Protein backbone atom coordinates (compact mmCIF):
# COMPACT_ATOMS: atom_id res chain seq x y z
CA MET A 1 35.80 -50.97 -25.80
CA LYS A 2 32.04 -50.81 -25.22
CA LYS A 3 32.70 -48.86 -21.91
CA LEU A 4 34.91 -46.38 -23.78
CA TYR A 5 32.23 -46.05 -26.47
CA HIS A 6 29.57 -45.20 -23.89
CA PHE A 7 31.91 -42.89 -22.11
CA LEU A 8 32.72 -40.90 -25.33
CA VAL A 9 28.99 -40.79 -26.29
CA THR A 10 27.96 -39.52 -22.81
CA SER A 11 30.74 -36.89 -22.82
CA TYR A 12 29.57 -35.76 -26.20
CA LYS A 13 26.03 -35.40 -25.03
CA LEU A 14 27.06 -33.52 -22.09
CA ARG A 15 29.19 -31.18 -24.05
CA ARG A 16 26.23 -30.57 -26.41
CA LEU A 17 23.80 -29.99 -23.39
CA TYR A 18 26.38 -27.56 -21.85
CA CYS A 19 26.79 -25.63 -25.12
CA PHE A 20 23.02 -25.44 -25.51
CA LEU A 21 22.43 -24.20 -22.01
CA LEU A 22 25.23 -21.67 -22.35
CA SER A 23 23.90 -20.44 -25.57
CA ALA A 24 20.40 -20.13 -24.18
CA PHE A 25 21.72 -18.15 -21.08
CA CYS A 26 23.78 -15.84 -23.45
CA ILE A 27 20.80 -15.06 -25.59
CA PHE A 28 18.48 -14.41 -22.62
CA ASN A 29 21.23 -12.32 -20.94
CA ALA A 30 21.72 -10.39 -24.13
CA PHE A 31 17.86 -9.70 -24.40
CA ALA A 32 17.75 -8.78 -20.70
CA GLN A 33 20.58 -6.30 -20.91
CA ASN A 34 19.44 -4.72 -24.20
CA TYR A 35 18.25 -1.29 -23.19
CA LYS A 36 15.12 0.02 -24.92
CA PRO A 37 15.06 3.96 -25.36
CA PHE A 38 11.84 5.92 -25.94
CA PRO A 39 10.74 5.84 -29.59
CA THR A 40 11.38 9.11 -31.56
CA SER A 41 8.60 9.05 -33.93
CA ASN A 42 5.07 7.48 -34.80
CA ALA A 43 4.43 6.75 -31.01
CA MET A 44 1.33 7.19 -29.18
CA TRP A 45 0.64 7.04 -25.25
CA ARG A 46 -3.02 6.70 -25.00
CA GLU A 47 -4.44 7.61 -21.48
CA THR A 48 -7.59 8.46 -19.58
CA ASN A 49 -7.90 10.49 -16.39
CA MET A 50 -10.99 10.50 -14.23
CA GLY A 51 -11.49 12.43 -11.17
CA PRO A 52 -14.11 10.93 -8.75
CA LEU A 53 -13.62 13.72 -6.33
CA LYS A 54 -14.32 16.43 -9.01
CA LYS A 55 -17.80 15.61 -10.07
CA GLY A 56 -18.33 15.49 -13.97
CA TYR A 57 -14.67 15.85 -14.71
CA ALA A 58 -12.81 13.42 -16.86
CA GLU A 59 -10.10 13.44 -19.64
CA ASP A 60 -9.65 11.08 -22.62
CA TYR A 61 -6.54 11.87 -24.55
CA GLN A 62 -3.06 10.81 -25.96
CA TYR A 63 0.44 12.17 -26.29
CA ILE A 64 1.88 11.70 -29.88
CA ILE A 65 5.34 12.73 -31.17
CA THR A 66 5.00 15.41 -33.77
CA GLY A 67 8.53 16.12 -34.79
CA ASP A 68 12.06 17.06 -33.66
CA THR A 69 13.65 20.34 -32.30
CA SER A 70 17.07 21.40 -31.31
CA ILE A 71 17.49 23.04 -27.76
CA ASN A 72 20.99 23.96 -26.69
CA GLY A 73 22.63 21.84 -29.31
CA LYS A 74 20.65 18.76 -28.37
CA ILE A 75 17.86 16.96 -30.29
CA TYR A 76 14.52 16.73 -28.56
CA HIS A 77 11.26 15.13 -29.65
CA LYS A 78 8.14 17.21 -29.45
CA LEU A 79 4.85 15.94 -27.87
CA GLN A 80 1.27 17.03 -28.61
CA LYS A 81 -1.69 16.32 -26.25
CA THR A 82 -4.71 15.75 -28.19
CA GLY A 83 -8.32 14.49 -27.21
CA TYR A 84 -10.88 16.02 -25.05
CA GLU A 85 -12.00 16.67 -21.29
CA PHE A 86 -15.32 17.08 -19.62
CA THR A 87 -15.81 20.16 -17.16
CA TRP A 88 -18.59 20.64 -14.75
CA GLU A 89 -20.22 23.93 -15.30
CA ALA A 90 -23.68 25.42 -14.62
CA GLY A 91 -25.10 22.06 -13.54
CA HIS A 92 -23.99 20.05 -16.59
CA THR A 93 -20.95 18.63 -18.19
CA GLN A 94 -19.40 20.20 -21.14
CA ARG A 95 -16.93 18.59 -23.54
CA VAL A 96 -13.87 20.59 -24.30
CA PRO A 97 -11.18 19.84 -26.85
CA ILE A 98 -7.46 19.27 -25.93
CA ASP A 99 -4.85 19.89 -28.64
CA HIS A 100 -1.79 21.75 -27.46
CA TYR A 101 1.96 21.35 -27.02
CA ALA A 102 2.98 19.13 -24.09
CA GLY A 103 6.80 19.56 -24.02
CA CYS A 104 9.68 17.64 -25.61
CA PHE A 105 11.95 14.78 -24.39
CA ARG A 106 15.36 13.33 -25.37
CA ASN A 107 16.98 10.04 -24.99
CA ASP A 108 20.30 9.66 -23.34
CA THR A 109 20.95 6.08 -24.40
CA LEU A 110 24.26 5.82 -22.97
CA GLU A 111 23.11 6.79 -19.41
CA LYS A 112 19.68 5.04 -19.79
CA LYS A 113 17.83 8.23 -19.00
CA ILE A 114 14.95 10.30 -20.43
CA PHE A 115 15.15 14.14 -20.08
CA PHE A 116 12.17 16.46 -20.58
CA ILE A 117 11.64 20.22 -21.30
CA TYR A 118 8.33 22.16 -21.13
CA ASP A 119 8.91 25.70 -20.37
CA LYS A 120 12.03 28.10 -20.51
CA ASN A 121 14.46 25.32 -21.79
CA TYR A 122 14.75 24.06 -18.30
CA GLU A 123 15.45 20.29 -18.48
CA VAL A 124 14.31 17.88 -15.87
CA LEU A 125 14.93 14.25 -15.43
CA LEU A 126 11.81 12.29 -16.51
CA TYR A 127 12.94 8.70 -16.22
CA ASP A 128 16.05 7.03 -14.89
CA PHE A 129 16.31 3.31 -15.91
CA ASN A 130 19.42 2.65 -13.78
CA MET A 131 17.28 2.61 -10.67
CA GLN A 132 17.95 0.00 -7.81
CA LEU A 133 15.72 -1.58 -5.18
CA GLY A 134 14.97 1.12 -2.46
CA ASP A 135 15.61 4.05 -4.69
CA THR A 136 13.23 7.08 -4.58
CA VAL A 137 11.05 8.18 -7.56
CA TYR A 138 9.98 11.92 -7.70
CA PRO A 139 7.41 12.75 -10.39
CA ILE A 140 8.27 15.97 -12.28
CA TYR A 141 4.72 17.39 -11.51
CA ASN A 142 4.84 16.98 -7.76
CA ASN A 143 2.23 19.13 -6.23
CA HIS A 144 1.90 17.39 -2.70
CA GLY A 145 5.47 16.21 -2.12
CA GLU A 146 4.64 12.65 -3.27
CA PHE A 147 7.29 10.13 -3.95
CA GLY A 148 7.61 6.40 -4.72
CA ILE A 149 10.06 3.59 -3.60
CA ILE A 150 11.25 0.90 -6.08
CA THR A 151 10.13 -2.25 -4.45
CA GLU A 152 10.83 -4.83 -7.22
CA ILE A 153 12.66 -5.01 -10.45
CA ASP A 154 11.94 -7.63 -13.06
CA THR A 155 11.64 -8.14 -16.88
CA VAL A 156 8.23 -8.24 -18.72
CA LEU A 157 7.69 -9.68 -22.26
CA LEU A 158 5.61 -7.22 -24.47
CA ASN A 159 4.87 -7.32 -28.12
CA ASP A 160 8.32 -5.93 -29.22
CA GLY A 161 10.32 -8.07 -26.76
CA LEU A 162 11.77 -7.88 -23.18
CA HIS A 163 11.47 -4.63 -21.22
CA LYS A 164 12.89 -4.05 -17.90
CA ARG A 165 10.23 -3.11 -15.35
CA PHE A 166 10.25 -1.26 -12.03
CA SER A 167 7.51 -1.71 -9.31
CA VAL A 168 6.94 1.56 -7.62
CA LYS A 169 4.92 1.99 -4.20
CA CYS A 170 3.81 5.52 -3.47
CA GLU A 171 2.62 5.26 0.24
CA ASN A 172 2.44 9.10 0.91
CA ALA A 173 0.19 9.95 -2.01
CA PRO A 174 -2.89 11.90 -0.47
CA TYR A 175 -5.33 9.82 -2.44
CA PRO A 176 -3.99 6.32 -2.84
CA LEU A 177 -5.77 5.43 -6.03
CA TYR A 178 -4.13 3.80 -9.22
CA PHE A 179 -0.90 5.45 -8.57
CA TYR A 180 -0.57 3.79 -5.07
CA ASN A 181 1.24 0.85 -6.85
CA PHE A 182 2.32 1.18 -10.43
CA TYR A 183 5.07 0.04 -12.82
CA ILE A 184 7.71 2.05 -14.74
CA ILE A 185 8.43 0.25 -17.98
CA GLU A 186 11.69 0.59 -19.92
CA GLY A 187 11.03 2.39 -23.37
CA ILE A 188 7.38 3.17 -22.42
CA GLY A 189 7.05 5.07 -19.26
CA SER A 190 4.65 4.34 -16.37
CA THR A 191 1.39 2.56 -16.24
CA VAL A 192 -0.12 5.57 -14.85
CA GLY A 193 0.74 7.81 -17.64
CA LEU A 194 3.66 9.26 -19.41
CA PHE A 195 4.23 11.83 -16.65
CA TYR A 196 2.90 9.64 -13.75
CA VAL A 197 1.40 12.60 -11.68
CA PRO A 198 0.47 11.50 -8.14
CA SER A 199 -2.67 13.68 -7.45
CA ASP A 200 -6.34 13.24 -6.80
CA PHE A 201 -7.02 11.78 -10.23
CA ASN A 202 -7.19 8.19 -11.50
CA ASN A 203 -4.72 8.24 -14.42
CA ILE A 204 -4.18 5.21 -16.49
CA LEU A 205 -2.04 4.45 -19.43
CA ILE A 206 -4.61 2.53 -21.54
CA CYS A 207 -2.11 1.47 -24.28
CA PHE A 208 1.24 2.33 -25.93
CA SER A 209 1.76 1.94 -29.61
CA ILE A 210 4.45 2.51 -32.35
CA ASP A 211 3.51 2.73 -35.98
CA GLU A 212 -0.03 1.67 -34.94
CA GLU A 213 1.36 -1.57 -33.55
CA ILE A 214 0.16 -2.16 -29.86
CA ILE A 215 3.21 -2.70 -27.63
CA TYR A 216 1.58 -2.37 -24.33
CA LEU A 217 -2.11 -2.75 -23.43
CA ASN A 218 -3.29 -2.30 -20.03
CA PRO A 219 -4.81 -5.58 -18.78
CA ASP A 220 -7.44 -4.02 -16.59
CA GLU A 221 -8.88 -1.91 -19.47
CA LEU A 222 -11.47 -2.87 -21.94
CA HIS A 223 -10.52 -0.09 -24.27
CA VAL A 224 -8.95 -0.80 -27.67
CA CYS A 225 -5.92 1.14 -28.68
CA GLU A 226 -7.60 3.98 -30.57
CA PRO A 227 -6.87 7.64 -30.28
CA ALA A 228 -9.47 9.79 -28.49
CA ILE A 229 -10.72 12.39 -30.95
CA TYR A 230 -12.67 15.45 -30.35
CA ILE A 231 -15.18 16.47 -33.15
CA ALA A 232 -16.37 20.16 -32.71
CA ILE A 233 -19.98 19.58 -33.75
CA GLU A 234 -23.31 19.27 -32.10
CA GLU A 235 -24.34 15.64 -32.12
CA PHE A 236 -27.94 14.88 -33.16
CA ASP A 237 -29.63 12.01 -31.60
CA LYS A 238 -30.37 9.84 -34.75
CA ASP A 239 -32.99 7.27 -35.53
CA ASN A 240 -31.35 4.30 -36.99
CA THR A 241 -34.60 3.35 -38.82
CA LEU A 242 -34.41 6.42 -40.82
CA ILE A 243 -30.61 6.55 -41.91
CA LYS A 244 -28.94 3.23 -42.49
CA PHE A 245 -25.08 2.62 -43.15
CA SER A 246 -24.16 -0.65 -44.89
CA PRO A 247 -22.16 -2.66 -45.20
CA ASN A 248 -20.33 -1.98 -41.92
CA PRO A 249 -17.51 -3.19 -42.04
CA VAL A 250 -17.04 -2.04 -45.58
CA LYS A 251 -14.41 -3.04 -48.14
CA ASP A 252 -15.20 -0.86 -51.19
CA LYS A 253 -18.39 1.17 -51.24
CA LEU A 254 -20.35 2.39 -48.30
CA ILE A 255 -24.15 2.98 -48.96
CA ILE A 256 -26.22 5.33 -47.03
CA LYS A 257 -29.95 5.13 -47.36
CA ASN A 258 -32.00 7.95 -46.02
CA GLU A 259 -35.90 8.00 -45.89
CA GLU A 260 -36.68 11.39 -44.53
CA PHE A 261 -33.78 13.90 -43.85
CA LYS A 262 -32.26 16.48 -46.28
CA ILE A 263 -28.65 15.63 -46.33
CA THR A 264 -26.52 18.68 -47.28
CA ASN A 265 -23.08 17.02 -47.10
CA LEU A 266 -21.25 14.22 -45.62
CA GLN A 267 -17.59 13.54 -44.65
CA ILE A 268 -15.35 10.43 -43.75
CA VAL A 269 -13.17 11.49 -40.82
CA ASP A 270 -10.01 9.67 -39.64
CA LEU A 271 -9.08 9.13 -36.00
CA LEU A 272 -7.19 12.59 -35.90
CA GLY A 273 -10.40 14.37 -36.95
CA ARG A 274 -9.29 15.12 -40.47
CA ALA A 275 -11.83 15.02 -43.25
CA ILE A 276 -10.39 12.76 -45.92
CA ILE A 277 -13.60 12.33 -48.07
CA ASP A 278 -16.07 15.13 -48.60
CA VAL A 279 -19.44 14.48 -50.51
CA ILE A 280 -22.25 16.64 -51.52
CA PRO A 281 -25.06 14.24 -52.50
CA GLN A 282 -27.12 14.40 -55.58
CA ASN A 283 -29.51 11.82 -54.56
CA ASN A 284 -30.64 11.94 -50.90
CA SER A 285 -32.38 8.69 -50.57
CA GLU A 286 -29.17 6.53 -51.62
CA ILE A 287 -25.67 7.79 -51.34
CA ILE A 288 -22.62 5.84 -52.28
CA VAL A 289 -19.32 6.59 -50.86
CA ASP A 290 -16.26 4.89 -52.46
CA MET A 291 -13.79 3.87 -49.63
CA ALA A 292 -11.81 1.42 -51.72
CA ASN A 293 -8.49 3.53 -51.63
CA LEU A 294 -8.59 4.01 -47.83
CA ILE A 295 -6.28 1.88 -45.64
CA SER A 296 -7.96 -0.48 -43.31
CA GLY A 297 -8.95 0.85 -39.85
CA LEU A 298 -11.51 2.75 -37.96
CA TYR A 299 -13.19 5.94 -39.41
CA PHE A 300 -16.07 8.14 -38.62
CA ILE A 301 -18.91 9.40 -40.99
CA LYS A 302 -20.39 12.69 -40.35
CA VAL A 303 -23.68 13.44 -42.02
CA ASN A 304 -24.98 16.96 -41.97
CA MET A 305 -28.60 17.43 -42.22
CA ASN A 306 -29.25 21.17 -42.35
CA GLY A 307 -27.12 21.83 -39.34
CA ASN A 308 -28.08 18.68 -37.40
CA ILE A 309 -25.15 16.34 -37.32
CA ILE A 310 -24.94 12.51 -36.73
CA ILE A 311 -21.83 10.65 -36.40
CA GLU A 312 -21.43 6.74 -37.06
CA LYS A 313 -18.29 4.65 -36.62
CA ILE A 314 -17.27 2.81 -40.02
CA VAL A 315 -14.65 0.04 -39.98
CA LYS A 316 -12.72 -0.19 -43.29
CA LEU A 317 -11.50 -3.70 -44.25
């Protein structure tokens, strides 16, 4: 009777272990097979592009989704490129704003593909997430005949779950920099930018976010996931002993103390460069700005002193 009892208990434990392992396998397999399409709103691909072979040239920008459009009966999601670049002219660098339409994309969720249109409604394949080992990857902006080879396929855990990941090796690129080896990640794009352009630049995807939540952050970058903004003003080299901003971070009221300058107006600017608070001070020595109703995050304060402008970062708690 004792042997039969032990046999039944052991069999029961084995059955429970089998059921647990089977459930875990099914759950993991379900996650692994759950395709992640591109987001269709409130997403940001934050990138930087620096050209060591082009002295004084750099870009700092992002792609954001600005709305939908219908082309040939299909729904596409419009992309805007904003930020700034530096150009080398007449012996010095000049900062130039970027703010233009960058094309539109559509999800084909059933086929696990992303299609892209930039000009004349001509659709091209941007990403194919059905790729297999040994498949060839051709970027859509292909100036030198570059291509990559899929050398490994795995799954990576990001902040919103599991994503399928493809390792790409691009041996024939003319300048084998960051894009020599990179990843294509399901639901995001590539680690060398949304359009992964092999060229003579170092292009990096700094981060990718949805609804201001960071999904992917480049492990080699020290940047935080904030948009690059361009403020079209002349920056004045300020003396912090003359103008003080406190407290910073601020919860309710920001106090600006000024000992010398005539302040004509000041603005609180969000990360997209929009002025959300505009103040014409009555008392130049101490100005109080009420920021209590603003959402938490990073802002800029622009102080205009008879044409001279200073900018300070302000963190709202």
